[in-house]
Amino acid sequence: MRKKVIAFTLVFLLCTFAFGQKKQNAKPLIKSEEITYHGIDGRHINRVDKQGLNEYKEYNADGTISKIYIVEFDKRKNKNIYNLNERYFYEEGKLNKIEEIGSITGEKHKEILFSYNKEMQLIKKIENQFEDNKFVMNQWSAYTDYFYNENEETEKRYEYQETKKEFLLTSIITKIYDLHKNMIQEKTANFDGNISGVINIKYDNSNKPIALESSYFKEKINYKYNSHGDLEVEETRSEKRPTIESSNYSYIYDNYGNWIERKDIIKRNPKDEFEGGLLVKRKIEYYE
């Protein structure tokens, strides 16, 4: 459940487009972007800050993601090394496969397959595992079935049990959407139907999330946005943890209204090693 809350928050932090400018040039589609992370005032940068390493992303001409590379600095060669990490494949405009590549081995270690119904709704996601470029069945093998009923979506996840040599139901997630197709509730149940957690989300008139509440962590997160529509303030409180975290974001934008620098000032009460400043730089190349 913790990963779900974090993943939802990152949607805002990595928001690609800006809104609400009175004057701006016609915005072309992004061809590629390189995202790098830098500490402010000597703050150490770690994987928790950025959910991974520096990244380079390539996009197709229709705006869909094509490839993601992990960027690491090679001290011996004194230059950046771009290691392919993910590849995306499409069919009839819908994502049908993702391949995950080992940054060290360069070999495919996972693929995710997507299937859709006649209404182009996702009905199945299969997570296949590979070792030495060969298909294997292990504890990470899984699949998810999707079901729809008016404003409700249900996801049933099955994971491979190596001892029993079969897939077993592990969780059931139910999502409820409002009339604007915003998810307003996510309820997670164990294989036996017992509820393990509920996330409730509130939106403003622009359909931007302004509050998220998680029953599992007894956590509340509030969001505020700037005139561009990008996240400006994020405040997190939890009854399970004494720390109150407040993050403030400021941006520098290019001529097309996309941010190219974001400064994150993180304050935590009580203060700990995660407090401080983080500068995120975004180098964008556009399609002509």
C-alpha atoms as a PDB file:
ATOM      1  CA  MET A   1       0.000   0.000   0.000  1.00  0.00           C
ATOM      2  CA  ARG A   2       2.880   2.370   0.788  1.00  0.00           C
ATOM      3  CA  LYS A   3       4.158   2.021  -2.791  1.00  0.00           C
ATOM      4  CA  LYS A   4       0.738   2.992  -4.136  1.00  0.00           C
ATOM      5  CA  VAL A   5       0.671   6.229  -2.130  1.00  0.00           C
ATOM      6  CA  ILE A   6       4.205   7.096  -3.224  1.00  0.00           C
ATOM      7  CA  ALA A   7       3.455   6.290  -6.869  1.00  0.00           C
ATOM      8  CA  PHE A   8       0.350   8.479  -6.807  1.00  0.00           C
ATOM      9  CA  THR A   9       2.356  11.387  -5.381  1.00  0.00           C
ATOM     10  CA  LEU A  10       4.993  11.083  -8.101  1.00  0.00           C
ATOM     11  CA  VAL A  11       2.386  11.693 -10.785  1.00  0.00           C
ATOM     12  CA  PHE A  12       2.393  15.302  -9.681  1.00  0.00           C
ATOM     13  CA  LEU A  13       6.121  15.655  -9.123  1.00  0.00           C
ATOM     14  CA  LEU A  14       6.925  14.439 -12.630  1.00  0.00           C
ATOM     15  CA  CYS A  15       4.080  16.339 -14.328  1.00  0.00           C
ATOM     16  CA  THR A  16       5.159  16.843 -17.924  1.00  0.00           C
ATOM     17  CA  PHE A  17       2.877  19.619 -19.123  1.00  0.00           C
ATOM     18  CA  ALA A  18       2.098  23.095 -17.802  1.00  0.00           C
ATOM     19  CA  PHE A  19      -1.287  24.832 -17.911  1.00  0.00           C
ATOM     20  CA  GLY A  20      -2.875  28.243 -17.471  1.00  0.00           C
ATOM     21  CA  GLN A  21      -0.376  30.519 -19.217  1.00  0.00           C
ATOM     22  CA  LYS A  22      -1.848  33.594 -20.784  1.00  0.00           C
ATOM     23  CA  LYS A  23       0.691  33.683 -23.607  1.00  0.00           C
ATOM     24  CA  GLN A  24       2.883  30.896 -24.929  1.00  0.00           C
ATOM     25  CA  ASN A  25       4.067  29.535 -28.232  1.00  0.00           C
ATOM     26  CA  ALA A  26       2.283  26.577 -29.799  1.00  0.00           C
ATOM     27  CA  LYS A  27       3.546  23.611 -27.811  1.00  0.00           C
ATOM     28  CA  PRO A  28       5.267  20.870 -29.852  1.00  0.00           C
ATOM     29  CA  LEU A  29       5.454  17.289 -28.628  1.00  0.00           C
ATOM     30  CA  ILE A  30       8.424  16.211 -26.562  1.00  0.00           C
ATOM     31  CA  LYS A  31      10.926  13.998 -28.415  1.00  0.00           C
ATOM     32  CA  SER A  32      13.213  13.273 -25.472  1.00  0.00           C
ATOM     33  CA  GLU A  33      13.976  14.472 -21.965  1.00  0.00           C
ATOM     34  CA  GLU A  34      16.837  13.923 -19.575  1.00  0.00           C
ATOM     35  CA  ILE A  35      16.066  14.237 -15.857  1.00  0.00           C
ATOM     36  CA  THR A  36      18.912  14.709 -13.369  1.00  0.00           C
ATOM     37  CA  TYR A  37      18.905  15.222  -9.605  1.00  0.00           C
ATOM     38  CA  HIS A  38      21.179  17.509  -7.596  1.00  0.00           C
ATOM     39  CA  GLY A  39      21.497  18.216  -3.884  1.00  0.00           C
ATOM     40  CA  ILE A  40      21.197  21.759  -2.553  1.00  0.00           C
ATOM     41  CA  ASP A  41      23.449  22.972   0.260  1.00  0.00           C
ATOM     42  CA  GLY A  42      25.337  19.702   0.374  1.00  0.00           C
ATOM     43  CA  ARG A  43      22.277  17.495   0.760  1.00  0.00           C
ATOM     44  CA  HIS A  44      23.016  13.900  -0.189  1.00  0.00           C
ATOM     45  CA  ILE A  45      20.964  12.463  -3.070  1.00  0.00           C
ATOM     46  CA  ASN A  46      19.701   8.911  -2.722  1.00  0.00           C
ATOM     47  CA  ARG A  47      17.266   6.546  -4.453  1.00  0.00           C
ATOM     48  CA  VAL A  48      14.467   7.467  -2.055  1.00  0.00           C
ATOM     49  CA  ASP A  49      14.543  11.039  -3.379  1.00  0.00           C
ATOM     50  CA  LYS A  50      14.117  10.138  -7.017  1.00  0.00           C
ATOM     51  CA  GLN A  51      12.776   6.565  -6.981  1.00  0.00           C
ATOM     52  CA  GLY A  52      15.774   5.480  -9.032  1.00  0.00           C
ATOM     53  CA  LEU A  53      18.692   7.035 -10.924  1.00  0.00           C
ATOM     54  CA  ASN A  54      18.974   9.862 -13.447  1.00  0.00           C
ATOM     55  CA  GLU A  55      16.859   9.065 -16.501  1.00  0.00           C
ATOM     56  CA  TYR A  56      16.742   9.734 -20.221  1.00  0.00           C
ATOM     57  CA  LYS A  57      13.363   9.201 -21.916  1.00  0.00           C
ATOM     58  CA  GLU A  58      12.472   8.957 -25.595  1.00  0.00           C
ATOM     59  CA  TYR A  59       8.957   9.571 -26.952  1.00  0.00           C
ATOM     60  CA  ASN A  60       7.193   8.610 -30.167  1.00  0.00           C
ATOM     61  CA  ALA A  61       5.812  11.248 -32.530  1.00  0.00           C
ATOM     62  CA  ASP A  62       2.316  10.752 -31.053  1.00  0.00           C
ATOM     63  CA  GLY A  63       3.531  11.588 -27.542  1.00  0.00           C
ATOM     64  CA  THR A  64       3.675   8.037 -26.164  1.00  0.00           C
ATOM     65  CA  ILE A  65       6.741   6.863 -24.275  1.00  0.00           C
ATOM     66  CA  SER A  66       9.177   4.742 -26.294  1.00  0.00           C
ATOM     67  CA  LYS A  67      12.291   3.995 -24.220  1.00  0.00           C
ATOM     68  CA  ILE A  68      13.731   4.800 -20.802  1.00  0.00           C
ATOM     69  CA  TYR A  69      17.453   4.777 -20.064  1.00  0.00           C
ATOM     70  CA  ILE A  70      19.249   4.876 -16.712  1.00  0.00           C
ATOM     71  CA  VAL A  71      22.015   7.499 -16.800  1.00  0.00           C
ATOM     72  CA  GLU A  72      25.158   6.873 -14.776  1.00  0.00           C
ATOM     73  CA  PHE A  73      28.470   8.716 -14.782  1.00  0.00           C
ATOM     74  CA  ASP A  74      31.449   6.569 -15.690  1.00  0.00           C
ATOM     75  CA  LYS A  75      34.426   7.979 -13.777  1.00  0.00           C
ATOM     76  CA  ARG A  76      36.901   5.925 -15.777  1.00  0.00           C
ATOM     77  CA  LYS A  77      35.601   7.221 -19.122  1.00  0.00           C
ATOM     78  CA  ASN A  78      34.678  10.628 -17.643  1.00  0.00           C
ATOM     79  CA  LYS A  79      31.279  10.676 -19.343  1.00  0.00           C
ATOM     80  CA  ASN A  80      27.656   9.632 -18.895  1.00  0.00           C
ATOM     81  CA  ILE A  81      26.652   6.092 -19.822  1.00  0.00           C
ATOM     82  CA  TYR A  82      23.075   5.498 -21.034  1.00  0.00           C
ATOM     83  CA  ASN A  83      21.820   2.026 -20.171  1.00  0.00           C
ATOM     84  CA  LEU A  84      18.525   0.924 -21.712  1.00  0.00           C
ATOM     85  CA  ASN A  85      16.086   0.098 -18.910  1.00  0.00           C
ATOM     86  CA  GLU A  86      12.595  -0.108 -20.475  1.00  0.00           C
ATOM     87  CA  ARG A  87      11.096  -0.485 -23.977  1.00  0.00           C
ATOM     88  CA  TYR A  88       7.447   0.179 -24.852  1.00  0.00           C
ATOM     89  CA  PHE A  89       5.505  -1.395 -27.729  1.00  0.00           C
ATOM     90  CA  TYR A  90       2.112  -0.376 -29.144  1.00  0.00           C
ATOM     91  CA  GLU A  91      -0.551  -1.870 -31.369  1.00  0.00           C
ATOM     92  CA  GLU A  92      -3.459   0.110 -32.801  1.00  0.00           C
ATOM     93  CA  GLY A  93      -2.582   2.992 -30.515  1.00  0.00           C
ATOM     94  CA  LYS A  94      -2.674   0.915 -27.313  1.00  0.00           C
ATOM     95  CA  LEU A  95       0.252  -0.174 -25.184  1.00  0.00           C
ATOM     96  CA  ASN A  96       0.618  -3.938 -25.566  1.00  0.00           C
ATOM     97  CA  LYS A  97       4.067  -4.712 -24.127  1.00  0.00           C
ATOM     98  CA  ILE A  98       6.760  -3.349 -21.844  1.00  0.00           C
ATOM     99  CA  GLU A  99      10.215  -4.924 -21.707  1.00  0.00           C
ATOM    100  CA  GLU A 100      12.456  -4.315 -18.702  1.00  0.00           C
ATOM    101  CA  ILE A 101      16.189  -4.563 -19.375  1.00  0.00           C
ATOM    102  CA  GLY A 102      18.949  -5.137 -16.837  1.00  0.00           C
ATOM    103  CA  SER A 103      21.160  -2.049 -16.814  1.00  0.00           C
ATOM    104  CA  ILE A 104      24.249  -4.153 -16.100  1.00  0.00           C
ATOM    105  CA  THR A 105      23.571  -7.297 -18.151  1.00  0.00           C
ATOM    106  CA  GLY A 106      21.696  -5.609 -21.010  1.00  0.00           C
ATOM    107  CA  GLU A 107      19.360  -8.616 -21.061  1.00  0.00           C
ATOM    108  CA  LYS A 108      15.579  -8.667 -20.770  1.00  0.00           C
ATOM    109  CA  HIS A 109      14.562  -9.798 -17.291  1.00  0.00           C
ATOM    110  CA  LYS A 110      10.847  -8.991 -17.410  1.00  0.00           C
ATOM    111  CA  GLU A 111       8.059  -8.299 -19.879  1.00  0.00           C
ATOM    112  CA  ILE A 112       4.559  -7.028 -19.208  1.00  0.00           C
ATOM    113  CA  LEU A 113       1.818  -7.899 -21.712  1.00  0.00           C
ATOM    114  CA  PHE A 114      -1.501  -6.047 -21.983  1.00  0.00           C
ATOM    115  CA  SER A 115      -4.809  -7.256 -23.479  1.00  0.00           C
ATOM    116  CA  TYR A 116      -7.951  -5.207 -24.216  1.00  0.00           C
ATOM    117  CA  ASN A 117     -11.636  -5.852 -24.929  1.00  0.00           C
ATOM    118  CA  LYS A 118     -13.666  -4.463 -27.856  1.00  0.00           C
ATOM    119  CA  GLU A 119     -14.231  -1.227 -25.918  1.00  0.00           C
ATOM    120  CA  MET A 120     -10.423  -0.922 -25.677  1.00  0.00           C
ATOM    121  CA  GLN A 121     -10.533  -1.404 -21.919  1.00  0.00           C
ATOM    122  CA  LEU A 122      -7.632  -3.197 -20.269  1.00  0.00           C
ATOM    123  CA  ILE A 123      -8.744  -6.720 -19.284  1.00  0.00           C
ATOM    124  CA  LYS A 124      -5.469  -8.534 -18.526  1.00  0.00           C
ATOM    125  CA  LYS A 125      -1.891  -7.735 -17.575  1.00  0.00           C
ATOM    126  CA  ILE A 126       0.690 -10.553 -17.577  1.00  0.00           C
ATOM    127  CA  GLU A 127       4.086 -10.196 -15.894  1.00  0.00           C
ATOM    128  CA  ASN A 128       6.584 -12.670 -17.364  1.00  0.00           C
ATOM    129  CA  GLN A 129      10.058 -13.225 -15.938  1.00  0.00           C
ATOM    130  CA  PHE A 130      13.308 -14.083 -17.754  1.00  0.00           C
ATOM    131  CA  GLU A 131      16.717 -15.360 -16.722  1.00  0.00           C
ATOM    132  CA  ASP A 132      19.576 -15.470 -19.231  1.00  0.00           C
ATOM    133  CA  ASN A 133      17.032 -14.358 -21.865  1.00  0.00           C
ATOM    134  CA  LYS A 134      14.933 -17.469 -21.181  1.00  0.00           C
ATOM    135  CA  PHE A 135      11.345 -17.502 -19.911  1.00  0.00           C
ATOM    136  CA  VAL A 136      11.043 -18.769 -16.339  1.00  0.00           C
ATOM    137  CA  MET A 137       8.304 -19.172 -13.747  1.00  0.00           C
ATOM    138  CA  ASN A 138       9.238 -17.808 -10.327  1.00  0.00           C
ATOM    139  CA  GLN A 139       7.829 -15.894  -7.359  1.00  0.00           C
ATOM    140  CA  TRP A 140       7.727 -12.688  -9.427  1.00  0.00           C
ATOM    141  CA  SER A 141       5.518 -14.201 -12.142  1.00  0.00           C
ATOM    142  CA  ALA A 142       1.995 -12.775 -11.966  1.00  0.00           C
ATOM    143  CA  TYR A 143      -1.076 -11.698 -13.865  1.00  0.00           C
ATOM    144  CA  THR A 144      -3.984  -9.334 -13.200  1.00  0.00           C
ATOM    145  CA  ASP A 145      -7.543  -9.535 -14.514  1.00  0.00           C
ATOM    146  CA  TYR A 146      -9.645  -6.367 -14.860  1.00  0.00           C
ATOM    147  CA  PHE A 147     -13.440  -6.069 -14.622  1.00  0.00           C
ATOM    148  CA  TYR A 148     -15.707  -3.050 -15.178  1.00  0.00           C
ATOM    149  CA  ASN A 149     -19.150  -2.076 -13.891  1.00  0.00           C
ATOM    150  CA  GLU A 150     -20.338   1.485 -14.564  1.00  0.00           C
ATOM    151  CA  ASN A 151     -18.043   3.730 -12.469  1.00  0.00           C
ATOM    152  CA  GLU A 152     -16.248   0.818 -10.802  1.00  0.00           C
ATOM    153  CA  GLU A 153     -13.138  -1.121 -11.783  1.00  0.00           C
ATOM    154  CA  THR A 154     -11.949  -4.314 -10.099  1.00  0.00           C
ATOM    155  CA  GLU A 155      -8.447  -5.759 -10.350  1.00  0.00           C
ATOM    156  CA  LYS A 156      -7.722  -9.341  -9.277  1.00  0.00           C
ATOM    157  CA  ARG A 157      -4.032 -10.132  -8.971  1.00  0.00           C
ATOM    158  CA  TYR A 158      -2.637 -13.670  -9.079  1.00  0.00           C
ATOM    159  CA  GLU A 159       0.952 -14.546  -8.176  1.00  0.00           C
ATOM    160  CA  TYR A 160       2.867 -17.726  -8.894  1.00  0.00           C
ATOM    161  CA  GLN A 161       3.526 -19.928  -5.885  1.00  0.00           C
ATOM    162  CA  GLU A 162       6.678 -21.959  -6.532  1.00  0.00           C
ATOM    163  CA  THR A 163       5.868 -24.582  -3.899  1.00  0.00           C
ATOM    164  CA  LYS A 164       2.404 -25.306  -5.324  1.00  0.00           C
ATOM    165  CA  LYS A 165       3.416 -24.674  -8.939  1.00  0.00           C
ATOM    166  CA  GLU A 166       0.289 -22.615  -9.598  1.00  0.00           C
ATOM    167  CA  PHE A 167      -1.070 -19.067  -9.593  1.00  0.00           C
ATOM    168  CA  LEU A 168      -3.056 -18.049  -6.514  1.00  0.00           C
ATOM    169  CA  LEU A 169      -5.214 -14.996  -5.900  1.00  0.00           C
ATOM    170  CA  THR A 170      -3.296 -12.551  -3.690  1.00  0.00           C
ATOM    171  CA  SER A 171      -5.269  -9.301  -3.764  1.00  0.00           C
ATOM    172  CA  ILE A 172      -8.417  -7.618  -5.035  1.00  0.00           C
ATOM    173  CA  ILE A 173      -8.364  -3.885  -5.749  1.00  0.00           C
ATOM    174  CA  THR A 174     -11.592  -1.983  -6.324  1.00  0.00           C
ATOM    175  CA  LYS A 175     -11.442   1.525  -7.819  1.00  0.00           C
ATOM    176  CA  ILE A 176     -14.353   3.961  -7.956  1.00  0.00           C
ATOM    177  CA  TYR A 177     -14.416   6.877 -10.410  1.00  0.00           C
ATOM    178  CA  ASP A 178     -16.441  10.096 -10.505  1.00  0.00           C
ATOM    179  CA  LEU A 179     -18.237  11.519 -13.563  1.00  0.00           C
ATOM    180  CA  HIS A 180     -14.961  13.092 -14.746  1.00  0.00           C
ATOM    181  CA  LYS A 181     -13.214   9.683 -14.680  1.00  0.00           C
ATOM    182  CA  ASN A 182     -11.133  10.683 -11.649  1.00  0.00           C
ATOM    183  CA  MET A 183     -10.402   7.854  -9.246  1.00  0.00           C
ATOM    184  CA  ILE A 184     -11.962   8.880  -5.935  1.00  0.00           C
ATOM    185  CA  GLN A 185     -11.444   5.664  -3.995  1.00  0.00           C
ATOM    186  CA  GLU A 186      -9.143   2.646  -4.097  1.00  0.00           C
ATOM    187  CA  LYS A 187      -9.918  -0.282  -1.796  1.00  0.00           C
ATOM    188  CA  THR A 188      -7.482  -3.183  -1.412  1.00  0.00           C
ATOM    189  CA  ALA A 189      -8.550  -6.581  -0.081  1.00  0.00           C
ATOM    190  CA  ASN A 190      -6.519  -9.694   0.641  1.00  0.00           C
ATOM    191  CA  PHE A 191      -7.180 -12.993  -1.121  1.00  0.00           C
ATOM    192  CA  ASP A 192      -9.740 -13.851   1.575  1.00  0.00           C
ATOM    193  CA  GLY A 193     -11.681 -10.630   1.069  1.00  0.00           C
ATOM    194  CA  ASN A 194     -10.473  -8.830   4.200  1.00  0.00           C
ATOM    195  CA  ILE A 195      -9.881  -5.116   3.560  1.00  0.00           C
ATOM    196  CA  SER A 196      -6.221  -4.179   4.043  1.00  0.00           C
ATOM    197  CA  GLY A 197      -6.464  -0.527   3.098  1.00  0.00           C
ATOM    198  CA  VAL A 198      -8.530   2.256   1.556  1.00  0.00           C
ATOM    199  CA  ILE A 199      -7.355   5.379  -0.271  1.00  0.00           C
ATOM    200  CA  ASN A 200      -9.772   8.295  -0.749  1.00  0.00           C
ATOM    201  CA  ILE A 201      -8.965  11.179  -3.090  1.00  0.00           C
ATOM    202  CA  LYS A 202     -10.570  14.620  -3.449  1.00  0.00           C
ATOM    203  CA  TYR A 203     -10.257  16.888  -6.516  1.00  0.00           C
ATOM    204  CA  ASP A 204     -10.652  20.575  -7.268  1.00  0.00           C
ATOM    205  CA  ASN A 205     -12.720  22.079 -10.085  1.00  0.00           C
ATOM    206  CA  SER A 206      -9.826  21.495 -12.483  1.00  0.00           C
ATOM    207  CA  ASN A 207      -9.840  17.762 -11.697  1.00  0.00           C
ATOM    208  CA  LYS A 208      -6.535  18.001  -9.868  1.00  0.00           C
ATOM    209  CA  PRO A 209      -6.147  15.964  -6.666  1.00  0.00           C
ATOM    210  CA  ILE A 210      -6.044  18.200  -3.602  1.00  0.00           C
ATOM    211  CA  ALA A 211      -6.255  15.622  -0.804  1.00  0.00           C
ATOM    212  CA  LEU A 212      -5.359  11.965  -0.397  1.00  0.00           C
ATOM    213  CA  GLU A 213      -6.183   9.920   2.688  1.00  0.00           C
ATOM    214  CA  SER A 214      -4.874   6.408   3.328  1.00  0.00           C
ATOM    215  CA  SER A 215      -6.529   4.301   6.022  1.00  0.00           C
ATOM    216  CA  TYR A 216      -3.725   1.741   5.991  1.00  0.00           C
ATOM    217  CA  PHE A 217      -1.067   4.245   7.119  1.00  0.00           C
ATOM    218  CA  LYS A 218      -3.597   6.675   8.635  1.00  0.00           C
ATOM    219  CA  GLU A 219      -1.895   9.172   6.387  1.00  0.00           C
ATOM    220  CA  LYS A 220      -3.216  12.409   4.887  1.00  0.00           C
ATOM    221  CA  ILE A 221      -1.580  14.294   2.016  1.00  0.00           C
ATOM    222  CA  ASN A 222      -2.726  17.737   0.826  1.00  0.00           C
ATOM    223  CA  TYR A 223      -1.719  19.339  -2.483  1.00  0.00           C
ATOM    224  CA  LYS A 224      -1.668  22.888  -3.852  1.00  0.00           C
ATOM    225  CA  TYR A 225      -0.785  23.974  -7.412  1.00  0.00           C
ATOM    226  CA  ASN A 226       0.675  27.045  -9.105  1.00  0.00           C
ATOM    227  CA  SER A 227      -0.829  28.960 -12.029  1.00  0.00           C
ATOM    228  CA  HIS A 228       0.800  26.523 -14.473  1.00  0.00           C
ATOM    229  CA  GLY A 229      -1.010  23.611 -12.876  1.00  0.00           C
ATOM    230  CA  ASP A 230       2.173  22.105 -11.420  1.00  0.00           C
ATOM    231  CA  LEU A 231       2.441  20.963  -7.811  1.00  0.00           C
ATOM    232  CA  GLU A 232       3.521  23.797  -5.523  1.00  0.00           C
ATOM    233  CA  VAL A 233       2.943  22.533  -1.973  1.00  0.00           C
ATOM    234  CA  GLU A 234       2.621  18.988  -0.615  1.00  0.00           C
ATOM    235  CA  GLU A 235       2.034  18.314   3.080  1.00  0.00           C
ATOM    236  CA  THR A 236       1.986  14.841   4.628  1.00  0.00           C
ATOM    237  CA  ARG A 237       0.746  13.892   8.088  1.00  0.00           C
ATOM    238  CA  SER A 238       0.469  10.410   9.542  1.00  0.00           C
ATOM    239  CA  GLU A 239      -0.977   9.120  12.798  1.00  0.00           C
ATOM    240  CA  LYS A 240       1.449   6.188  12.601  1.00  0.00           C
ATOM    241  CA  ARG A 241       4.570   8.324  12.239  1.00  0.00           C
ATOM    242  CA  PRO A 242       5.424  11.452  14.259  1.00  0.00           C
ATOM    243  CA  THR A 243       7.077  13.199  11.303  1.00  0.00           C
ATOM    244  CA  ILE A 244       5.199  15.959   9.477  1.00  0.00           C
ATOM    245  CA  GLU A 245       6.644  16.581   6.026  1.00  0.00           C
ATOM    246  CA  SER A 246       6.074  19.730   3.978  1.00  0.00           C
ATOM    247  CA  SER A 247       7.485  20.071   0.460  1.00  0.00           C
ATOM    248  CA  ASN A 248       7.493  23.289  -1.545  1.00  0.00           C
ATOM    249  CA  TYR A 249       8.212  23.306  -5.285  1.00  0.00           C
ATOM    250  CA  SER A 250       9.307  26.202  -7.483  1.00  0.00           C
ATOM    251  CA  TYR A 251       9.912  26.025 -11.245  1.00  0.00           C
ATOM    252  CA  ILE A 252      11.681  27.556 -14.205  1.00  0.00           C
ATOM    253  CA  TYR A 253       9.800  27.107 -17.500  1.00  0.00           C
ATOM    254  CA  ASP A 254      10.843  27.128 -21.143  1.00  0.00           C
ATOM    255  CA  ASN A 255       9.089  29.043 -23.937  1.00  0.00           C
ATOM    256  CA  TYR A 256       6.545  26.247 -24.342  1.00  0.00           C
ATOM    257  CA  GLY A 257       5.461  26.247 -20.714  1.00  0.00           C
ATOM    258  CA  ASN A 258       7.203  22.999 -19.740  1.00  0.00           C
ATOM    259  CA  TRP A 259       9.342  23.155 -16.614  1.00  0.00           C
ATOM    260  CA  ILE A 260      13.079  22.663 -17.100  1.00  0.00           C
ATOM    261  CA  GLU A 261      14.133  23.141 -13.476  1.00  0.00           C
ATOM    262  CA  ARG A 262      12.302  22.297 -10.283  1.00  0.00           C
ATOM    263  CA  LYS A 263      13.551  23.158  -6.824  1.00  0.00           C
ATOM    264  CA  ASP A 264      12.183  21.043  -3.987  1.00  0.00           C
ATOM    265  CA  ILE A 265      12.505  22.377  -0.459  1.00  0.00           C
ATOM    266  CA  ILE A 266      11.657  19.639   2.009  1.00  0.00           C
ATOM    267  CA  LYS A 267      10.957  20.390   5.669  1.00  0.00           C
ATOM    268  CA  ARG A 268      10.375  17.656   8.243  1.00  0.00           C
ATOM    269  CA  ASN A 269       9.279  17.977  11.851  1.00  0.00           C
ATOM    270  CA  PRO A 270      11.134  16.559  13.669  1.00  0.00           C
ATOM    271  CA  LYS A 271      14.110  17.273  11.443  1.00  0.00           C
ATOM    272  CA  ASP A 272      15.977  14.285   9.971  1.00  0.00           C
ATOM    273  CA  GLU A 273      18.383  13.353   7.142  1.00  0.00           C
ATOM    274  CA  PHE A 274      15.661  13.720   4.472  1.00  0.00           C
ATOM    275  CA  GLU A 275      15.167  17.428   5.138  1.00  0.00           C
ATOM    276  CA  GLY A 276      16.833  19.870   2.776  1.00  0.00           C
ATOM    277  CA  GLY A 277      16.862  20.911  -0.854  1.00  0.00           C
ATOM    278  CA  LEU A 278      16.660  19.001  -4.105  1.00  0.00           C
ATOM    279  CA  LEU A 279      17.142  20.446  -7.591  1.00  0.00           C
ATOM    280  CA  VAL A 280      15.679  18.527 -10.525  1.00  0.00           C
ATOM    281  CA  LYS A 281      16.872  19.517 -14.000  1.00  0.00           C
ATOM    282  CA  ARG A 282      15.005  18.551 -17.142  1.00  0.00           C
ATOM    283  CA  LYS A 283      16.613  18.884 -20.582  1.00  0.00           C
ATOM    284  CA  ILE A 284      13.920  18.688 -23.267  1.00  0.00           C
ATOM    285  CA  GLU A 285      14.193  18.067 -26.996  1.00  0.00           C
ATOM    286  CA  TYR A 286      11.086  18.715 -29.117  1.00  0.00           C
ATOM    287  CA  TYR A 287       9.780  17.344 -32.370  1.00  0.00           C
ATOM    288  CA  GLU A 288      10.017  20.011 -35.071  1.00  0.00           C
END
